[in-house]
PDB file of N, CA and C in Angstrom:
ATOM      1  N   UNK A   1     108.220 106.829 109.226  1.00  0.00           N
ATOM      2  CA  UNK A   1     106.937 107.058 109.248  1.00  0.00           C
ATOM      3  C   UNK A   1     107.170 106.732 107.758  1.00  0.00           C
ATOM      4  N   UNK A   2     105.948 105.793 107.426  1.00  0.00           N
ATOM      5  CA  UNK A   2     106.440 104.926 105.921  1.00  0.00           C
ATOM      6  C   UNK A   2     105.545 106.112 104.535  1.00  0.00           C
ATOM      7  N   UNK A   3     106.631 106.105 103.753  1.00  0.00           N
ATOM      8  CA  UNK A   3     106.185 106.975 102.405  1.00  0.00           C
ATOM      9  C   UNK A   3     106.983 105.953 101.170  1.00  0.00           C
ATOM     10  N   UNK A   4     105.394 106.498 100.289  1.00  0.00           N
ATOM     11  CA  UNK A   4     106.067 105.488  99.232  1.00  0.00           C
ATOM     12  C   UNK A   4     105.686 107.101  97.966  1.00  0.00           C
ATOM     13  N   UNK A   5     106.396 107.377  97.359  1.00  0.00           N
ATOM     14  CA  UNK A   5     106.587 108.278  96.386  1.00  0.00           C
ATOM     15  C   UNK A   5     106.437 107.993  94.921  1.00  0.00           C
ATOM     16  N   UNK A   6     105.723 108.162  94.165  1.00  0.00           N
ATOM     17  CA  UNK A   6     105.479 107.779  92.918  1.00  0.00           C
ATOM     18  C   UNK A   6     105.847 108.871  91.871  1.00  0.00           C
ATOM     19  N   UNK A   7     106.615 108.455  90.844  1.00  0.00           N
ATOM     20  CA  UNK A   7     107.071 109.599  89.930  1.00  0.00           C
ATOM     21  C   UNK A   7     107.080 108.807  88.910  1.00  0.00           C
ATOM     22  N   UNK A   8     107.303 109.695  87.390  1.00  0.00           N
ATOM     23  CA  UNK A   8     107.533 109.311  85.911  1.00  0.00           C
ATOM     24  C   UNK A   8     106.347 109.129  85.245  1.00  0.00           C
ATOM     25  N   UNK A   9     105.213 109.425  85.832  1.00  0.00           N
ATOM     26  CA  UNK A   9     104.083 109.617  85.032  1.00  0.00           C
ATOM     27  C   UNK A   9     103.842 110.670  84.066  1.00  0.00           C
ATOM     28  N   UNK A  10     102.991 111.382  83.378  1.00  0.00           N
ATOM     29  CA  UNK A  10     102.667 111.988  82.486  1.00  0.00           C
ATOM     30  C   UNK A  10     102.009 111.669  81.271  1.00  0.00           C
ATOM     31  N   UNK A  11     102.067 112.449  79.968  1.00  0.00           N
ATOM     32  CA  UNK A  11     101.145 112.552  78.647  1.00  0.00           C
ATOM     33  C   UNK A  11     101.871 111.634  77.805  1.00  0.00           C
ATOM     34  N   UNK A  12     101.400 110.607  77.118  1.00  0.00           N
ATOM     35  CA  UNK A  12     102.196 110.281  75.975  1.00  0.00           C
ATOM     36  C   UNK A  12     101.290 109.490  74.637  1.00  0.00           C
ATOM     37  N   UNK A  13     101.587 109.493  73.885  1.00  0.00           N
ATOM     38  CA  UNK A  13     100.711 109.183  72.729  1.00  0.00           C
ATOM     39  C   UNK A  13     100.672 107.484  72.621  1.00  0.00           C
ATOM     40  N   UNK A  14      99.617 107.147  72.564  1.00  0.00           N
ATOM     41  CA  UNK A  14      99.150 105.822  72.478  1.00  0.00           C
ATOM     42  C   UNK A  14     100.381 105.278  71.726  1.00  0.00           C
ATOM     43  N   UNK A  15     100.683 104.136  72.452  1.00  0.00           N
ATOM     44  CA  UNK A  15     101.686 103.280  71.608  1.00  0.00           C
ATOM     45  C   UNK A  15     102.873 103.612  72.330  1.00  0.00           C
ATOM     46  N   UNK A  16     103.300 104.191  72.753  1.00  0.00           N
ATOM     47  CA  UNK A  16     104.262 105.260  73.730  1.00  0.00           C
ATOM     48  C   UNK A  16     104.540 103.964  74.976  1.00  0.00           C
ATOM     49  N   UNK A  17     105.125 104.800  75.416  1.00  0.00           N
ATOM     50  CA  UNK A  17     105.836 103.941  76.664  1.00  0.00           C
ATOM     51  C   UNK A  17     106.168 105.043  78.103  1.00  0.00           C
ATOM     52  N   UNK A  18     105.883 104.495  79.041  1.00  0.00           N
ATOM     53  CA  UNK A  18     106.750 105.406  80.382  1.00  0.00           C
ATOM     54  C   UNK A  18     107.169 104.311  81.311  1.00  0.00           C
ATOM     55  N   UNK A  19     107.854 104.853  82.598  1.00  0.00           N
ATOM     56  CA  UNK A  19     108.103 104.166  83.446  1.00  0.00           C
ATOM     57  C   UNK A  19     108.389 104.872  84.708  1.00  0.00           C
ATOM     58  N   UNK A  20     107.310 104.324  85.434  1.00  0.00           N
ATOM     59  CA  UNK A  20     106.685 104.996  87.011  1.00  0.00           C
ATOM     60  C   UNK A  20     108.072 104.014  87.596  1.00  0.00           C
ATOM     61  N   UNK A  21     107.989 104.971  88.655  1.00  0.00           N
ATOM     62  CA  UNK A  21     109.371 104.887  89.718  1.00  0.00           C
ATOM     63  C   UNK A  21     108.161 104.859  91.374  1.00  0.00           C
ATOM     64  N   UNK A  22     108.444 104.250  92.120  1.00  0.00           N
ATOM     65  CA  UNK A  22     108.028 104.280  93.570  1.00  0.00           C
ATOM     66  C   UNK A  22     108.972 104.214  94.246  1.00  0.00           C
ATOM     67  N   UNK A  23     109.686 105.054  95.065  1.00  0.00           N
ATOM     68  CA  UNK A  23     110.223 105.046  96.142  1.00  0.00           C
ATOM     69  C   UNK A  23     109.950 105.369  97.648  1.00  0.00           C
ATOM     70  N   UNK A  24     110.977 103.980  98.478  1.00  0.00           N
ATOM     71  CA  UNK A  24     110.097 103.573  99.575  1.00  0.00           C
ATOM     72  C   UNK A  24     110.927 104.315 100.906  1.00  0.00           C
ATOM     73  N   UNK A  25     110.576 104.175 101.943  1.00  0.00           N
ATOM     74  CA  UNK A  25     111.334 104.954 102.803  1.00  0.00           C
ATOM     75  C   UNK A  25     110.309 104.535 104.472  1.00  0.00           C
ATOM     76  N   UNK A  26     111.330 104.317 105.548  1.00  0.00           N
ATOM     77  CA  UNK A  26     110.095 103.951 106.767  1.00  0.00           C
ATOM     78  C   UNK A  26     109.644 102.778 106.557  1.00  0.00           C
ATOM     79  N   UNK A  27     110.716 101.693 106.340  1.00  0.00           N
ATOM     80  CA  UNK A  27     109.990 100.615 106.051  1.00  0.00           C
ATOM     81  C   UNK A  27     111.108  99.549 105.914  1.00  0.00           C
ATOM     82  N   UNK A  28     111.195  98.286 106.243  1.00  0.00           N
ATOM     83  CA  UNK A  28     111.783  97.197 105.559  1.00  0.00           C
ATOM     84  C   UNK A  28     111.507  96.696 104.788  1.00  0.00           C
ATOM     85  N   UNK A  29     112.121  97.419 103.366  1.00  0.00           N
ATOM     86  CA  UNK A  29     111.759  96.681 101.999  1.00  0.00           C
ATOM     87  C   UNK A  29     111.860  95.734 101.714  1.00  0.00           C
ATOM     88  N   UNK A  30     112.583  95.140 101.909  1.00  0.00           N
ATOM     89  CA  UNK A  30     112.738  93.476 101.221  1.00  0.00           C
ATOM     90  C   UNK A  30     111.760  92.555 102.076  1.00  0.00           C
ATOM     91  N   UNK A  31     111.142  93.570 102.812  1.00  0.00           N
ATOM     92  CA  UNK A  31     110.065  92.782 104.158  1.00  0.00           C
ATOM     93  C   UNK A  31     108.703  92.885 103.227  1.00  0.00           C
ATOM     94  N   UNK A  32     108.805  93.288 102.357  1.00  0.00           N
ATOM     95  CA  UNK A  32     107.245  93.968 101.865  1.00  0.00           C
ATOM     96  C   UNK A  32     107.004  93.824 100.685  1.00  0.00           C
ATOM     97  N   UNK A  33     105.654  92.799 100.008  1.00  0.00           N
ATOM     98  CA  UNK A  33     105.724  92.892  98.896  1.00  0.00           C
ATOM     99  C   UNK A  33     105.227  94.305  98.140  1.00  0.00           C
ATOM    100  N   UNK A  34     105.670  94.532  96.886  1.00  0.00           N
ATOM    101  CA  UNK A  34     104.727  95.594  96.512  1.00  0.00           C
ATOM    102  C   UNK A  34     103.774  95.048  95.255  1.00  0.00           C
ATOM    103  N   UNK A  35     102.580  96.137  95.389  1.00  0.00           N
ATOM    104  CA  UNK A  35     102.161  96.612  94.105  1.00  0.00           C
ATOM    105  C   UNK A  35     101.699  97.847  93.319  1.00  0.00           C
ATOM    106  N   UNK A  36     101.280  98.088  92.168  1.00  0.00           N
ATOM    107  CA  UNK A  36     100.502  98.534  91.466  1.00  0.00           C
ATOM    108  C   UNK A  36      98.913  98.742  91.101  1.00  0.00           C
ATOM    109  N   UNK A  37      98.223  99.649  91.394  1.00  0.00           N
ATOM    110  CA  UNK A  37      96.964  99.758  91.415  1.00  0.00           C
ATOM    111  C   UNK A  37      96.805 101.061  90.497  1.00  0.00           C
ATOM    112  N   UNK A  38      95.585 101.081  89.884  1.00  0.00           N
ATOM    113  CA  UNK A  38      95.248 102.110  88.973  1.00  0.00           C
ATOM    114  C   UNK A  38      93.770 102.733  89.244  1.00  0.00           C
ATOM    115  N   UNK A  39      93.287 103.995  89.019  1.00  0.00           N
ATOM    116  CA  UNK A  39      92.244 104.311  89.605  1.00  0.00           C
ATOM    117  C   UNK A  39      91.410 105.574  88.372  1.00  0.00           C
ATOM    118  N   UNK A  40      90.568 105.251  87.839  1.00  0.00           N
ATOM    119  CA  UNK A  40      89.982 106.084  86.690  1.00  0.00           C
ATOM    120  C   UNK A  40      88.881 106.765  87.028  1.00  0.00           C
ATOM    121  N   UNK A  41      88.574 107.939  86.544  1.00  0.00           N
ATOM    122  CA  UNK A  41      87.223 108.348  87.127  1.00  0.00           C
ATOM    123  C   UNK A  41      86.036 107.371  86.345  1.00  0.00           C
ATOM    124  N   UNK A  42      85.140 107.266  87.315  1.00  0.00           N
ATOM    125  CA  UNK A  42      83.949 106.656  87.255  1.00  0.00           C
ATOM    126  C   UNK A  42      84.306 104.971  87.330  1.00  0.00           C
ATOM    127  N   UNK A  43      85.385 104.474  87.919  1.00  0.00           N
ATOM    128  CA  UNK A  43      85.740 103.258  87.587  1.00  0.00           C
ATOM    129  C   UNK A  43      86.589 102.499  88.765  1.00  0.00           C
ATOM    130  N   UNK A  44      86.441 101.399  89.301  1.00  0.00           N
ATOM    131  CA  UNK A  44      86.635 101.211  90.400  1.00  0.00           C
ATOM    132  C   UNK A  44      88.440 100.963  90.135  1.00  0.00           C
ATOM    133  N   UNK A  45      88.913 101.355  91.689  1.00  0.00           N
ATOM    134  CA  UNK A  45      90.288 100.954  91.682  1.00  0.00           C
ATOM    135  C   UNK A  45      90.629  99.602  91.269  1.00  0.00           C
ATOM    136  N   UNK A  46      91.800  99.078  90.467  1.00  0.00           N
ATOM    137  CA  UNK A  46      91.935  98.240  89.556  1.00  0.00           C
ATOM    138  C   UNK A  46      93.358  97.816  90.047  1.00  0.00           C
ATOM    139  N   UNK A  47      93.869  96.613  90.260  1.00  0.00           N
ATOM    140  CA  UNK A  47      94.965  95.949  90.454  1.00  0.00           C
ATOM    141  C   UNK A  47      95.752  96.086  89.100  1.00  0.00           C
ATOM    142  N   UNK A  48      97.012  96.258  89.119  1.00  0.00           N
ATOM    143  CA  UNK A  48      97.702  96.375  87.985  1.00  0.00           C
ATOM    144  C   UNK A  48      99.159  95.563  88.194  1.00  0.00           C
ATOM    145  N   UNK A  49      99.744  95.101  88.659  1.00  0.00           N
ATOM    146  CA  UNK A  49     100.595  94.195  88.848  1.00  0.00           C
ATOM    147  C   UNK A  49     101.274  94.495  90.639  1.00  0.00           C
ATOM    148  N   UNK A  50     101.801  93.095  90.714  1.00  0.00           N
ATOM    149  CA  UNK A  50     102.266  93.147  92.149  1.00  0.00           C
ATOM    150  C   UNK A  50     103.743  92.107  91.783  1.00  0.00           C
ATOM    151  N   UNK A  51     104.781  92.405  92.565  1.00  0.00           N
ATOM    152  CA  UNK A  51     105.867  91.728  92.705  1.00  0.00           C
ATOM    153  C   UNK A  51     106.281  91.335  94.475  1.00  0.00           C
ATOM    154  N   UNK A  52     106.632  89.832  94.449  1.00  0.00           N
ATOM    155  CA  UNK A  52     106.702  89.690  95.811  1.00  0.00           C
ATOM    156  C   UNK A  52     108.083  90.030  96.833  1.00  0.00           C
ATOM    157  N   UNK A  53     108.328  89.926  97.950  1.00  0.00           N
ATOM    158  CA  UNK A  53     109.043  90.612  98.543  1.00  0.00           C
ATOM    159  C   UNK A  53     110.646  90.456  98.026  1.00  0.00           C
ATOM    160  N   UNK A  54     110.908  89.293  97.753  1.00  0.00           N
ATOM    161  CA  UNK A  54     111.913  88.906  96.855  1.00  0.00           C
ATOM    162  C   UNK A  54     112.148  89.222  95.760  1.00  0.00           C
ATOM    163  N   UNK A  55     111.108  89.294  94.762  1.00  0.00           N
ATOM    164  CA  UNK A  55     111.383  89.757  93.825  1.00  0.00           C
ATOM    165  C   UNK A  55     110.721  88.386  92.546  1.00  0.00           C
ATOM    166  N   UNK A  56     110.753  87.466  93.273  1.00  0.00           N
ATOM    167  CA  UNK A  56     111.155  85.766  92.406  1.00  0.00           C
ATOM    168  C   UNK A  56     109.659  85.746  91.681  1.00  0.00           C
ATOM    169  N   UNK A  57     108.657  86.512  92.186  1.00  0.00           N
ATOM    170  CA  UNK A  57     107.547  86.473  91.378  1.00  0.00           C
ATOM    171  C   UNK A  57     106.866  87.519  91.127  1.00  0.00           C
ATOM    172  N   UNK A  58     105.773  87.440  90.108  1.00  0.00           N
ATOM    173  CA  UNK A  58     105.025  88.789  89.352  1.00  0.00           C
ATOM    174  C   UNK A  58     103.709  88.398  88.871  1.00  0.00           C
ATOM    175  N   UNK A  59     103.143  89.573  89.199  1.00  0.00           N
ATOM    176  CA  UNK A  59     101.715  88.698  89.238  1.00  0.00           C
ATOM    177  C   UNK A  59     101.076  89.897  88.085  1.00  0.00           C
ATOM    178  N   UNK A  60     100.267  89.984  87.138  1.00  0.00           N
ATOM    179  CA  UNK A  60      99.484  91.108  85.932  1.00  0.00           C
ATOM    180  C   UNK A  60      98.170  91.043  86.532  1.00  0.00           C
ATOM    181  N   UNK A  61      97.321  91.883  86.093  1.00  0.00           N
ATOM    182  CA  UNK A  61      95.759  91.813  85.152  1.00  0.00           C
ATOM    183  C   UNK A  61      96.169  91.466  84.051  1.00  0.00           C
ATOM    184  N   UNK A  62      95.182  91.054  83.401  1.00  0.00           N
ATOM    185  CA  UNK A  62      95.142  90.501  82.022  1.00  0.00           C
ATOM    186  C   UNK A  62      95.326  91.588  80.680  1.00  0.00           C
ATOM    187  N   UNK A  63      94.726  92.508  81.253  1.00  0.00           N
ATOM    188  CA  UNK A  63      94.613  93.455  80.463  1.00  0.00           C
ATOM    189  C   UNK A  63      95.969  94.377  80.081  1.00  0.00           C
ATOM    190  N   UNK A  64      96.913  94.162  80.859  1.00  0.00           N
ATOM    191  CA  UNK A  64      98.538  94.572  80.750  1.00  0.00           C
ATOM    192  C   UNK A  64      99.399  93.536  80.533  1.00  0.00           C
ATOM    193  N   UNK A  65      98.857  92.270  80.402  1.00  0.00           N
ATOM    194  CA  UNK A  65     100.052  90.846  80.429  1.00  0.00           C
ATOM    195  C   UNK A  65     100.564  91.372  79.003  1.00  0.00           C
ATOM    196  N   UNK A  66     102.256  91.397  78.988  1.00  0.00           N
ATOM    197  CA  UNK A  66     102.797  91.342  77.646  1.00  0.00           C
ATOM    198  C   UNK A  66     103.317  92.829  77.395  1.00  0.00           C
ATOM    199  N   UNK A  67     102.538  93.724  78.289  1.00  0.00           N
ATOM    200  CA  UNK A  67     102.976  95.162  77.874  1.00  0.00           C
ATOM    201  C   UNK A  67     103.577  96.137  79.182  1.00  0.00           C
ATOM    202  N   UNK A  68     103.400  95.356  80.339  1.00  0.00           N
ATOM    203  CA  UNK A  68     103.535  96.015  81.381  1.00  0.00           C
ATOM    204  C   UNK A  68     105.228  94.872  82.229  1.00  0.00           C
ATOM    205  N   UNK A  69     105.601  95.671  82.952  1.00  0.00           N
ATOM    206  CA  UNK A  69     106.347  94.886  83.537  1.00  0.00           C
ATOM    207  C   UNK A  69     107.063  95.672  85.172  1.00  0.00           C
ATOM    208  N   UNK A  70     106.900  94.701  85.877  1.00  0.00           N
ATOM    209  CA  UNK A  70     107.182  95.334  87.195  1.00  0.00           C
ATOM    210  C   UNK A  70     108.283  94.891  87.806  1.00  0.00           C
ATOM    211  N   UNK A  71     109.040  95.916  88.034  1.00  0.00           N
ATOM    212  CA  UNK A  71     110.788  95.308  89.006  1.00  0.00           C
ATOM    213  C   UNK A  71     110.642  95.782  90.243  1.00  0.00           C
ATOM    214  N   UNK A  72     111.878  95.371  90.815  1.00  0.00           N
ATOM    215  CA  UNK A  72     112.058  96.144  92.019  1.00  0.00           C
ATOM    216  C   UNK A  72     113.686  96.017  92.105  1.00  0.00           C
ATOM    217  N   UNK A  73     114.243  96.764  93.305  1.00  0.00           N
ATOM    218  CA  UNK A  73     115.299  97.124  93.621  1.00  0.00           C
ATOM    219  C   UNK A  73     116.104  97.078  95.391  1.00  0.00           C
ATOM    220  N   UNK A  74     115.418  96.194  95.394  1.00  0.00           N
ATOM    221  CA  UNK A  74     115.810  95.977  97.494  1.00  0.00           C
ATOM    222  C   UNK A  74     117.030  97.050  97.665  1.00  0.00           C
ATOM    223  N   UNK A  75     117.851  97.151  96.678  1.00  0.00           N
ATOM    224  CA  UNK A  75     119.182  97.861  97.429  1.00  0.00           C
ATOM    225  C   UNK A  75     118.879  99.408  97.206  1.00  0.00           C
ATOM    226  N   UNK A  76     117.881  99.751  96.415  1.00  0.00           N
ATOM    227  CA  UNK A  76     117.542 101.536  96.487  1.00  0.00           C
ATOM    228  C   UNK A  76     116.532 101.391  96.809  1.00  0.00           C
ATOM    229  N   UNK A  77     115.366 100.519  97.697  1.00  0.00           N
ATOM    230  CA  UNK A  77     114.198 100.345  98.334  1.00  0.00           C
ATOM    231  C   UNK A  77     113.286 101.209  97.241  1.00  0.00           C
ATOM    232  N   UNK A  78     112.983 100.396  95.778  1.00  0.00           N
ATOM    233  CA  UNK A  78     112.461 101.052  94.556  1.00  0.00           C
ATOM    234  C   UNK A  78     111.456 100.032  93.659  1.00  0.00           C
ATOM    235  N   UNK A  79     110.684 100.421  93.327  1.00  0.00           N
ATOM    236  CA  UNK A  79     109.889  99.328  92.639  1.00  0.00           C
ATOM    237  C   UNK A  79     109.295 100.336  91.143  1.00  0.00           C
ATOM    238  N   UNK A  80     109.432  99.793  90.402  1.00  0.00           N
ATOM    239  CA  UNK A  80     109.233 100.383  88.770  1.00  0.00           C
ATOM    240  C   UNK A  80     107.772  99.208  88.556  1.00  0.00           C
ATOM    241  N   UNK A  81     107.625 100.494  87.633  1.00  0.00           N
ATOM    242  CA  UNK A  81     106.303  99.623  86.380  1.00  0.00           C
ATOM    243  C   UNK A  81     106.951 100.236  84.954  1.00  0.00           C
ATOM    244  N   UNK A  82     107.596  99.300  84.374  1.00  0.00           N
ATOM    245  CA  UNK A  82     107.503  99.589  82.856  1.00  0.00           C
ATOM    246  C   UNK A  82     106.338  99.394  82.045  1.00  0.00           C
ATOM    247  N   UNK A  83     105.997 100.280  81.598  1.00  0.00           N
ATOM    248  CA  UNK A  83     104.468 100.517  80.691  1.00  0.00           C
ATOM    249  C   UNK A  83     105.007 100.589  78.958  1.00  0.00           C
ATOM    250  N   UNK A  84     104.400  99.201  78.307  1.00  0.00           N
ATOM    251  CA  UNK A  84     104.738  99.857  76.570  1.00  0.00           C
ATOM    252  C   UNK A  84     103.269  99.571  75.796  1.00  0.00           C
ATOM    253  N   UNK A  85     103.826  99.801  75.133  1.00  0.00           N
ATOM    254  CA  UNK A  85     102.601  99.964  73.734  1.00  0.00           C
ATOM    255  C   UNK A  85     101.198 100.330  75.165  1.00  0.00           C
ATOM    256  N   UNK A  86     101.235 101.518  75.230  1.00  0.00           N
ATOM    257  CA  UNK A  86     100.674 102.340  76.047  1.00  0.00           C
ATOM    258  C   UNK A  86      99.094 102.387  75.425  1.00  0.00           C
ATOM    259  N   UNK A  87      97.588 102.254  75.768  1.00  0.00           N
ATOM    260  CA  UNK A  87      96.643 102.638  75.090  1.00  0.00           C
ATOM    261  C   UNK A  87      95.779 104.020  76.031  1.00  0.00           C
ATOM    262  N   UNK A  88      94.764 104.470  75.127  1.00  0.00           N
ATOM    263  CA  UNK A  88      93.781 105.235  75.772  1.00  0.00           C
ATOM    264  C   UNK A  88      93.383 104.731  77.677  1.00  0.00           C
ATOM    265  N   UNK A  89      93.312 103.545  76.862  1.00  0.00           N
ATOM    266  CA  UNK A  89      92.406 102.708  78.213  1.00  0.00           C
ATOM    267  C   UNK A  89      93.254 102.751  79.745  1.00  0.00           C
ATOM    268  N   UNK A  90      94.678 102.820  79.200  1.00  0.00           N
ATOM    269  CA  UNK A  90      95.692 103.293  80.619  1.00  0.00           C
ATOM    270  C   UNK A  90      95.706 104.465  81.123  1.00  0.00           C
ATOM    271  N   UNK A  91      95.274 105.068  80.771  1.00  0.00           N
ATOM    272  CA  UNK A  91      94.861 106.398  81.647  1.00  0.00           C
ATOM    273  C   UNK A  91      94.256 106.369  83.020  1.00  0.00           C
ATOM    274  N   UNK A  92      94.892 106.556  83.690  1.00  0.00           N
ATOM    275  CA  UNK A  92      94.723 106.587  85.082  1.00  0.00           C
ATOM    276  C   UNK A  92      95.591 107.370  86.529  1.00  0.00           C
ATOM    277  N   UNK A  93      94.994 107.317  87.217  1.00  0.00           N
ATOM    278  CA  UNK A  93      96.331 107.493  88.214  1.00  0.00           C
ATOM    279  C   UNK A  93      96.733 106.063  88.827  1.00  0.00           C
ATOM    280  N   UNK A  94      98.015 106.309  88.943  1.00  0.00           N
ATOM    281  CA  UNK A  94      98.639 104.799  89.429  1.00  0.00           C
ATOM    282  C   UNK A  94      99.281 105.205  90.542  1.00  0.00           C
ATOM    283  N   UNK A  95      99.113 103.934  91.340  1.00  0.00           N
ATOM    284  CA  UNK A  95      99.511 104.162  92.981  1.00  0.00           C
ATOM    285  C   UNK A  95     100.032 102.897  92.916  1.00  0.00           C
ATOM    286  N   UNK A  96     100.863 103.255  94.360  1.00  0.00           N
ATOM    287  CA  UNK A  96     102.485 102.218  94.152  1.00  0.00           C
ATOM    288  C   UNK A  96     101.501 101.911  95.940  1.00  0.00           C
ATOM    289  N   UNK A  97     101.822 100.685  96.304  1.00  0.00           N
ATOM    290  CA  UNK A  97     101.527  99.907  97.458  1.00  0.00           C
ATOM    291  C   UNK A  97     102.905  98.649  97.951  1.00  0.00           C
ATOM    292  N   UNK A  98     102.469  99.639  99.265  1.00  0.00           N
ATOM    293  CA  UNK A  98     103.152  97.876 100.069  1.00  0.00           C
ATOM    294  C   UNK A  98     102.705  97.144 100.823  1.00  0.00           C
ATOM    295  N   UNK A  99     102.377  95.672 100.825  1.00  0.00           N
ATOM    296  CA  UNK A  99     101.880  94.558 101.182  1.00  0.00           C
ATOM    297  C   UNK A  99     102.919  93.695 102.762  1.00  0.00           C
ATOM    298  N   UNK A 100     102.736  93.915 103.511  1.00  0.00           N
ATOM    299  CA  UNK A 100     103.916  93.021 104.151  1.00  0.00           C
ATOM    300  C   UNK A 100     103.606  91.852 103.875  1.00  0.00           C
ATOM    301  N   UNK A 101     104.473  91.099 103.436  1.00  0.00           N
ATOM    302  CA  UNK A 101     105.146  89.636 103.120  1.00  0.00           C
ATOM    303  C   UNK A 101     104.461  88.668 103.135  1.00  0.00           C
ATOM    304  N   UNK A 102     103.968  88.709 105.040  1.00  0.00           N
ATOM    305  CA  UNK A 102     103.178  87.540 105.429  1.00  0.00           C
ATOM    306  C   UNK A 102     101.724  88.123 105.335  1.00  0.00           C
ATOM    307  N   UNK A 103     101.208  88.680 104.962  1.00  0.00           N
ATOM    308  CA  UNK A 103      99.936  89.226 104.839  1.00  0.00           C
ATOM    309  C   UNK A 103      99.472  88.143 104.186  1.00  0.00           C
ATOM    310  N   UNK A 104      98.160  87.445 104.343  1.00  0.00           N
ATOM    311  CA  UNK A 104      97.502  86.353 103.780  1.00  0.00           C
ATOM    312  C   UNK A 104      96.651  87.452 103.047  1.00  0.00           C
ATOM    313  N   UNK A 105      96.264  86.409 101.601  1.00  0.00           N
ATOM    314  CA  UNK A 105      95.053  86.586 100.704  1.00  0.00           C
ATOM    315  C   UNK A 105      95.322  87.288  99.268  1.00  0.00           C
ATOM    316  N   UNK A 106      95.128  87.033  98.923  1.00  0.00           N
ATOM    317  CA  UNK A 106      95.184  87.537  97.092  1.00  0.00           C
ATOM    318  C   UNK A 106      95.810  88.874  97.094  1.00  0.00           C
ATOM    319  N   UNK A 107      96.949  89.164  96.301  1.00  0.00           N
ATOM    320  CA  UNK A 107      97.613  90.047  95.813  1.00  0.00           C
ATOM    321  C   UNK A 107      96.900  91.207  95.279  1.00  0.00           C
ATOM    322  N   UNK A 108      95.861  90.894  94.805  1.00  0.00           N
ATOM    323  CA  UNK A 108      95.229  91.837  93.777  1.00  0.00           C
ATOM    324  C   UNK A 108      94.032  92.603  94.688  1.00  0.00           C
ATOM    325  N   UNK A 109      94.324  92.151  95.627  1.00  0.00           N
ATOM    326  CA  UNK A 109      93.063  92.801  96.875  1.00  0.00           C
ATOM    327  C   UNK A 109      93.899  93.892  97.607  1.00  0.00           C
ATOM    328  N   UNK A 110      93.638  95.173  96.999  1.00  0.00           N
ATOM    329  CA  UNK A 110      94.138  96.680  97.780  1.00  0.00           C
ATOM    330  C   UNK A 110      94.019  96.800  98.823  1.00  0.00           C
ATOM    331  N   UNK A 111      92.610  96.061  99.830  1.00  0.00           N
ATOM    332  CA  UNK A 111      92.995  96.332 101.398  1.00  0.00           C
ATOM    333  C   UNK A 111      93.499  95.827 101.797  1.00  0.00           C
ATOM    334  N   UNK A 112      94.500  94.710 101.164  1.00  0.00           N
ATOM    335  CA  UNK A 112      95.134  94.110 101.781  1.00  0.00           C
ATOM    336  C   UNK A 112      96.833  94.948 102.006  1.00  0.00           C
ATOM    337  N   UNK A 113      96.673  95.746 101.040  1.00  0.00           N
ATOM    338  CA  UNK A 113      97.853  96.409 101.358  1.00  0.00           C
ATOM    339  C   UNK A 113      97.975  97.492 102.399  1.00  0.00           C
ATOM    340  N   UNK A 114      99.310  97.933 103.368  1.00  0.00           N
ATOM    341  CA  UNK A 114      98.932  98.824 104.295  1.00  0.00           C
ATOM    342  C   UNK A 114      99.344 100.091 103.922  1.00  0.00           C
ATOM    343  N   UNK A 115     100.180 100.149 103.148  1.00  0.00           N
ATOM    344  CA  UNK A 115     100.449 101.592 102.984  1.00  0.00           C
ATOM    345  C   UNK A 115     100.631 101.954 101.583  1.00  0.00           C
ATOM    346  N   UNK A 116     100.148 103.546 100.728  1.00  0.00           N
ATOM    347  CA  UNK A 116      99.862 103.546  99.827  1.00  0.00           C
ATOM    348  C   UNK A 116     100.474 104.995  99.551  1.00  0.00           C
ATOM    349  N   UNK A 117     101.074 105.295  98.060  1.00  0.00           N
ATOM    350  CA  UNK A 117     101.552 106.659  97.709  1.00  0.00           C
ATOM    351  C   UNK A 117     100.568 107.534  97.450  1.00  0.00           C
ATOM    352  N   UNK A 118     101.008 108.917  96.683  1.00  0.00           N
ATOM    353  CA  UNK A 118      99.874 109.507  96.635  1.00  0.00           C
ATOM    354  C   UNK A 118      99.316 109.735  95.051  1.00  0.00           C
ATOM    355  N   UNK A 119     100.344 108.793  94.307  1.00  0.00           N
ATOM    356  CA  UNK A 119      99.607 108.403  93.026  1.00  0.00           C
ATOM    357  C   UNK A 119     100.382 109.394  91.952  1.00  0.00           C
ATOM    358  N   UNK A 120     100.187 108.971  90.465  1.00  0.00           N
ATOM    359  CA  UNK A 120     100.545 109.594  89.811  1.00  0.00           C
ATOM    360  C   UNK A 120      99.929 109.789  88.279  1.00  0.00           C
ATOM    361  N   UNK A 121      99.919 110.680  87.783  1.00  0.00           N
ATOM    362  CA  UNK A 121      99.108 110.709  86.844  1.00  0.00           C
ATOM    363  C   UNK A 121      99.722 109.950  85.394  1.00  0.00           C
ATOM    364  N   UNK A 122      98.714 109.129  84.987  1.00  0.00           N
ATOM    365  CA  UNK A 122      99.394 108.901  83.292  1.00  0.00           C
ATOM    366  C   UNK A 122      97.963 109.208  82.635  1.00  0.00           C
ATOM    367  N   UNK A 123      98.222 109.624  81.472  1.00  0.00           N
ATOM    368  CA  UNK A 123      97.183 110.392  80.111  1.00  0.00           C
ATOM    369  C   UNK A 123      98.041 109.688  79.169  1.00  0.00           C
ATOM    370  N   UNK A 124      96.905 108.679  78.400  1.00  0.00           N
ATOM    371  CA  UNK A 124      97.122 108.197  76.886  1.00  0.00           C
ATOM    372  C   UNK A 124      96.383 108.941  76.382  1.00  0.00           C
ATOM    373  N   UNK A 125      97.024 109.678  75.031  1.00  0.00           N
ATOM    374  CA  UNK A 125      96.047 110.296  74.078  1.00  0.00           C
ATOM    375  C   UNK A 125      96.197 109.674  72.935  1.00  0.00           C
ATOM    376  N   UNK A 126      95.010 109.527  72.289  1.00  0.00           N
ATOM    377  CA  UNK A 126      95.387 109.098  70.778  1.00  0.00           C
ATOM    378  C   UNK A 126      95.618 109.221  69.763  1.00  0.00           C
TER     379      UNK A 126
END
């Protein structure tokens, strides 16, 4: 059974930092690209960042470029999202997702990810 478990969310002041972690089990982690998505009330789910199965390429939504960094450790079956210079508009539930490396289509499309975590709340206060 595939499990993705996020951690590291919390309450932080604007300008602060958080590091989200996602622990994967039940899958061949190195065969999956990984992504982070977020969802806040009244908004649609939004792509945040993605990394290829080998870690050689990363992708970001424009609003987080230069502030967020996605990384992975295939030896530990972990993916991370380092979030710096946080803004109030970054407040959301953040989800980790896994997408088989041979899945066709853009990495920004959530429906193309086969496995999802339960989410972790990030709240940025002004």
